N, C-alpha and C. Protein backbone atom coordinates (compact mmCIF):
# COMPACT_ATOMS: atom_id res chain seq x y z
N UNK A 1 -1.02 15.05 -14.14
CA UNK A 1 -0.14 15.24 -12.99
C UNK A 1 -0.05 13.93 -12.20
N UNK A 2 1.15 13.57 -11.83
CA UNK A 2 1.37 12.35 -11.06
C UNK A 2 0.97 12.54 -9.61
N UNK A 3 0.70 11.41 -8.96
CA UNK A 3 0.44 11.39 -7.53
C UNK A 3 1.77 11.28 -6.80
N UNK A 4 1.85 11.83 -5.60
CA UNK A 4 3.01 11.67 -4.74
C UNK A 4 2.67 10.59 -3.71
N UNK A 5 3.52 9.57 -3.62
CA UNK A 5 3.29 8.47 -2.69
C UNK A 5 4.37 8.51 -1.62
N UNK A 6 3.96 8.63 -0.35
CA UNK A 6 4.89 8.65 0.78
C UNK A 6 4.63 7.46 1.68
N UNK A 7 5.50 7.25 2.64
CA UNK A 7 5.32 6.19 3.64
C UNK A 7 5.17 6.83 5.01
N UNK A 8 4.34 6.22 5.81
CA UNK A 8 4.18 6.66 7.19
C UNK A 8 5.53 6.54 7.91
N UNK A 9 5.77 7.43 8.83
CA UNK A 9 7.02 7.41 9.59
C UNK A 9 7.21 6.05 10.25
N UNK A 10 8.38 5.47 10.09
CA UNK A 10 8.70 4.19 10.70
C UNK A 10 8.36 2.99 9.83
N UNK A 11 7.59 3.19 8.76
CA UNK A 11 7.20 2.07 7.91
C UNK A 11 8.39 1.49 7.16
N UNK A 12 9.33 2.33 6.78
CA UNK A 12 10.50 1.85 6.04
C UNK A 12 11.27 0.79 6.83
N UNK A 13 11.36 0.97 8.11
CA UNK A 13 12.06 0.01 8.97
C UNK A 13 11.35 -1.35 8.95
N UNK A 14 10.01 -1.34 8.98
CA UNK A 14 9.23 -2.57 8.93
C UNK A 14 9.37 -3.24 7.56
N UNK A 15 9.35 -2.43 6.51
CA UNK A 15 9.42 -2.96 5.15
C UNK A 15 10.74 -3.69 4.91
N UNK A 16 11.82 -3.18 5.47
CA UNK A 16 13.14 -3.82 5.29
C UNK A 16 13.17 -5.23 5.86
N UNK A 17 12.28 -5.55 6.79
CA UNK A 17 12.23 -6.88 7.40
C UNK A 17 11.38 -7.86 6.60
N UNK A 18 10.64 -7.36 5.62
CA UNK A 18 9.78 -8.22 4.80
C UNK A 18 10.62 -8.99 3.79
N UNK A 19 10.10 -10.11 3.28
CA UNK A 19 10.82 -10.84 2.24
C UNK A 19 11.07 -9.95 1.02
N UNK A 20 12.16 -10.20 0.31
CA UNK A 20 12.54 -9.36 -0.82
C UNK A 20 11.45 -9.29 -1.89
N UNK A 21 10.79 -10.41 -2.15
CA UNK A 21 9.71 -10.44 -3.14
C UNK A 21 8.59 -9.48 -2.76
N UNK A 22 8.23 -9.45 -1.48
CA UNK A 22 7.17 -8.57 -1.00
C UNK A 22 7.62 -7.11 -1.08
N UNK A 23 8.87 -6.84 -0.75
CA UNK A 23 9.41 -5.49 -0.87
C UNK A 23 9.31 -5.00 -2.31
N UNK A 24 9.66 -5.87 -3.26
CA UNK A 24 9.61 -5.51 -4.67
C UNK A 24 8.18 -5.26 -5.13
N UNK A 25 7.23 -6.05 -4.63
CA UNK A 25 5.83 -5.84 -4.97
C UNK A 25 5.31 -4.51 -4.41
N UNK A 26 5.76 -4.16 -3.21
CA UNK A 26 5.35 -2.87 -2.63
C UNK A 26 5.91 -1.72 -3.47
N UNK A 27 7.13 -1.83 -3.92
CA UNK A 27 7.72 -0.80 -4.79
C UNK A 27 6.91 -0.67 -6.08
N UNK A 28 6.53 -1.83 -6.65
CA UNK A 28 5.72 -1.81 -7.88
C UNK A 28 4.36 -1.17 -7.63
N UNK A 29 3.74 -1.47 -6.48
CA UNK A 29 2.46 -0.87 -6.13
C UNK A 29 2.58 0.64 -6.01
N UNK A 30 3.61 1.10 -5.34
CA UNK A 30 3.81 2.54 -5.17
C UNK A 30 4.00 3.23 -6.52
N UNK A 31 4.77 2.62 -7.43
CA UNK A 31 4.97 3.20 -8.77
C UNK A 31 3.65 3.22 -9.53
N UNK A 32 2.85 2.17 -9.39
CA UNK A 32 1.55 2.11 -10.05
C UNK A 32 0.64 3.22 -9.52
N UNK A 33 0.66 3.45 -8.21
CA UNK A 33 -0.17 4.51 -7.63
C UNK A 33 0.30 5.89 -8.07
N UNK A 34 1.60 6.07 -8.23
CA UNK A 34 2.11 7.36 -8.71
C UNK A 34 1.55 7.69 -10.09
N UNK A 35 1.48 6.69 -10.94
CA UNK A 35 1.01 6.89 -12.31
C UNK A 35 -0.51 6.93 -12.42
N UNK A 36 -1.20 6.06 -11.66
CA UNK A 36 -2.63 5.84 -11.89
C UNK A 36 -3.54 6.18 -10.72
N UNK A 37 -2.99 6.63 -9.60
CA UNK A 37 -3.82 7.03 -8.47
C UNK A 37 -4.06 5.92 -7.47
N UNK A 38 -4.84 6.20 -6.44
CA UNK A 38 -4.99 5.28 -5.31
C UNK A 38 -5.93 4.10 -5.55
N UNK A 39 -6.85 4.19 -6.50
CA UNK A 39 -7.81 3.11 -6.73
C UNK A 39 -7.17 2.09 -7.67
N UNK A 40 -6.73 0.98 -7.10
CA UNK A 40 -5.95 -0.01 -7.83
C UNK A 40 -6.70 -1.33 -7.93
N UNK A 41 -7.81 -1.34 -8.64
CA UNK A 41 -8.63 -2.53 -8.80
C UNK A 41 -7.95 -3.66 -9.53
N UNK A 42 -6.80 -3.40 -10.14
CA UNK A 42 -6.08 -4.45 -10.86
C UNK A 42 -5.09 -5.20 -9.97
N UNK A 43 -5.05 -4.89 -8.69
CA UNK A 43 -4.20 -5.60 -7.74
C UNK A 43 -5.05 -6.62 -6.99
N UNK A 44 -4.47 -7.76 -6.56
CA UNK A 44 -5.25 -8.82 -5.90
C UNK A 44 -5.95 -8.35 -4.63
N UNK A 45 -7.21 -8.73 -4.51
CA UNK A 45 -8.03 -8.46 -3.32
C UNK A 45 -8.08 -6.98 -2.96
N UNK A 46 -8.03 -6.11 -3.96
CA UNK A 46 -8.16 -4.68 -3.70
C UNK A 46 -9.54 -4.40 -3.12
N UNK A 47 -9.59 -3.54 -2.11
CA UNK A 47 -10.88 -3.10 -1.60
C UNK A 47 -10.75 -1.72 -0.97
N UNK A 48 -11.88 -1.04 -0.91
CA UNK A 48 -11.96 0.27 -0.28
C UNK A 48 -12.29 0.05 1.18
N UNK A 49 -11.58 0.73 2.06
CA UNK A 49 -11.86 0.70 3.49
C UNK A 49 -12.47 2.04 3.87
N UNK A 50 -12.88 2.20 5.08
CA UNK A 50 -13.49 3.46 5.52
C UNK A 50 -12.44 4.57 5.63
N UNK A 51 -12.89 5.80 5.54
CA UNK A 51 -12.01 6.94 5.77
C UNK A 51 -11.01 7.20 4.66
N UNK A 52 -11.33 6.88 3.42
CA UNK A 52 -10.42 7.14 2.32
C UNK A 52 -9.22 6.20 2.28
N UNK A 53 -9.36 5.05 2.92
CA UNK A 53 -8.28 4.07 2.93
C UNK A 53 -8.58 2.94 1.95
N UNK A 54 -7.50 2.32 1.49
CA UNK A 54 -7.59 1.21 0.54
C UNK A 54 -6.62 0.13 0.97
N UNK A 55 -6.84 -1.09 0.47
CA UNK A 55 -5.89 -2.16 0.77
C UNK A 55 -5.87 -3.16 -0.38
N UNK A 56 -4.78 -3.90 -0.49
CA UNK A 56 -4.67 -5.00 -1.44
C UNK A 56 -3.66 -6.00 -0.91
N UNK A 57 -3.71 -7.19 -1.47
CA UNK A 57 -2.74 -8.23 -1.09
C UNK A 57 -1.50 -8.08 -1.94
N UNK A 58 -0.34 -8.15 -1.31
CA UNK A 58 0.92 -8.16 -2.03
C UNK A 58 1.33 -9.59 -2.36
N UNK A 59 1.03 -10.51 -1.44
CA UNK A 59 1.35 -11.92 -1.64
C UNK A 59 0.30 -12.75 -0.93
N UNK A 60 -0.27 -13.69 -1.68
CA UNK A 60 -1.27 -14.59 -1.09
C UNK A 60 -0.57 -15.78 -0.46
N UNK A 61 -1.32 -16.60 0.23
CA UNK A 61 -0.77 -17.79 0.86
C UNK A 61 -0.54 -17.56 2.34
N UNK A 62 0.36 -18.34 2.90
CA UNK A 62 0.67 -18.21 4.32
C UNK A 62 2.13 -17.86 4.49
N UNK A 63 2.46 -16.75 5.06
CA UNK A 63 1.51 -15.69 5.46
C UNK A 63 1.10 -14.84 4.26
N UNK A 64 -0.04 -14.20 4.38
CA UNK A 64 -0.51 -13.25 3.39
C UNK A 64 0.04 -11.87 3.76
N UNK A 65 0.59 -11.18 2.78
CA UNK A 65 1.11 -9.83 3.02
C UNK A 65 0.19 -8.83 2.35
N UNK A 66 -0.10 -7.73 3.05
CA UNK A 66 -1.00 -6.70 2.56
C UNK A 66 -0.36 -5.33 2.65
N UNK A 67 -0.92 -4.40 1.90
CA UNK A 67 -0.53 -2.99 1.99
C UNK A 67 -1.82 -2.20 2.22
N UNK A 68 -1.72 -1.18 3.05
CA UNK A 68 -2.85 -0.29 3.31
C UNK A 68 -2.36 1.14 3.06
N UNK A 69 -3.16 1.91 2.35
CA UNK A 69 -2.80 3.30 2.07
C UNK A 69 -4.03 4.17 2.14
N UNK A 70 -3.79 5.48 2.28
CA UNK A 70 -4.90 6.42 2.33
C UNK A 70 -4.56 7.67 1.54
N UNK A 71 -5.59 8.31 1.03
CA UNK A 71 -5.43 9.57 0.31
C UNK A 71 -5.37 10.67 1.36
N UNK A 72 -4.25 11.36 1.40
CA UNK A 72 -4.08 12.45 2.37
C UNK A 72 -4.64 13.77 1.85
N UNK A 73 -4.50 13.99 0.54
CA UNK A 73 -4.97 15.23 -0.05
C UNK A 73 -5.25 15.01 -1.53
N UNK A 74 -6.52 15.10 -1.92
CA UNK A 74 -6.90 14.88 -3.32
C UNK A 74 -6.45 16.02 -4.22
N UNK A 75 -6.43 17.24 -3.69
CA UNK A 75 -6.09 18.40 -4.51
C UNK A 75 -4.63 18.39 -4.95
N UNK A 76 -3.74 18.03 -4.05
CA UNK A 76 -2.32 17.99 -4.42
C UNK A 76 -1.86 16.57 -4.75
N UNK A 77 -2.83 15.64 -4.77
CA UNK A 77 -2.59 14.24 -5.14
C UNK A 77 -1.52 13.59 -4.27
N UNK A 78 -1.83 13.45 -2.99
CA UNK A 78 -0.90 12.88 -2.02
C UNK A 78 -1.49 11.60 -1.42
N UNK A 79 -0.72 10.50 -1.53
CA UNK A 79 -1.09 9.20 -0.98
C UNK A 79 -0.04 8.81 0.05
N UNK A 80 -0.47 8.24 1.18
CA UNK A 80 0.47 7.76 2.19
C UNK A 80 0.23 6.28 2.44
N UNK A 81 1.28 5.47 2.26
CA UNK A 81 1.21 4.05 2.60
C UNK A 81 1.35 3.98 4.12
N UNK A 82 0.34 3.42 4.79
CA UNK A 82 0.37 3.43 6.25
C UNK A 82 0.71 2.07 6.85
N UNK A 83 0.64 0.99 6.05
CA UNK A 83 0.97 -0.33 6.58
C UNK A 83 1.38 -1.24 5.45
N UNK A 84 2.38 -2.05 5.70
CA UNK A 84 2.78 -3.13 4.81
C UNK A 84 3.29 -4.25 5.70
N UNK A 85 2.69 -5.41 5.61
CA UNK A 85 3.10 -6.52 6.44
C UNK A 85 2.10 -7.65 6.36
N UNK A 86 2.12 -8.52 7.35
CA UNK A 86 1.24 -9.67 7.33
C UNK A 86 -0.21 -9.26 7.57
N UNK A 87 -1.09 -10.05 7.01
CA UNK A 87 -2.53 -9.80 7.12
C UNK A 87 -2.98 -9.87 8.57
N UNK A 88 -2.38 -10.76 9.35
CA UNK A 88 -2.78 -10.95 10.74
C UNK A 88 -2.56 -9.72 11.60
N UNK A 89 -1.53 -8.95 11.29
CA UNK A 89 -1.21 -7.77 12.11
C UNK A 89 -1.76 -6.47 11.55
N UNK A 90 -2.46 -6.55 10.43
CA UNK A 90 -3.00 -5.34 9.79
C UNK A 90 -4.09 -4.74 10.66
N UNK A 91 -4.06 -3.44 10.80
CA UNK A 91 -5.09 -2.72 11.56
C UNK A 91 -5.97 -1.98 10.56
N UNK A 92 -7.09 -2.62 10.23
CA UNK A 92 -8.00 -2.08 9.24
C UNK A 92 -8.80 -0.99 9.87
């Protein structure tokens, strides 16, 4: 069974302001999570955060872009992307 990946309310508006390359990487990450689940050790700088949250880098360098997501429900396989943007503004 595939995972369902959603975005936090208002995140889509922020994502549209990101560079096109970063937007495409976020789309690829979401598709990867749909197929393989939330633990994405094959993405750059992937790490587990507290409270069932995870993060990885979408683009290294300056600025560095990151994505943060959390598992909302393991039984129905629901993941919510809660942040995508620069590393400096990320709220871990």
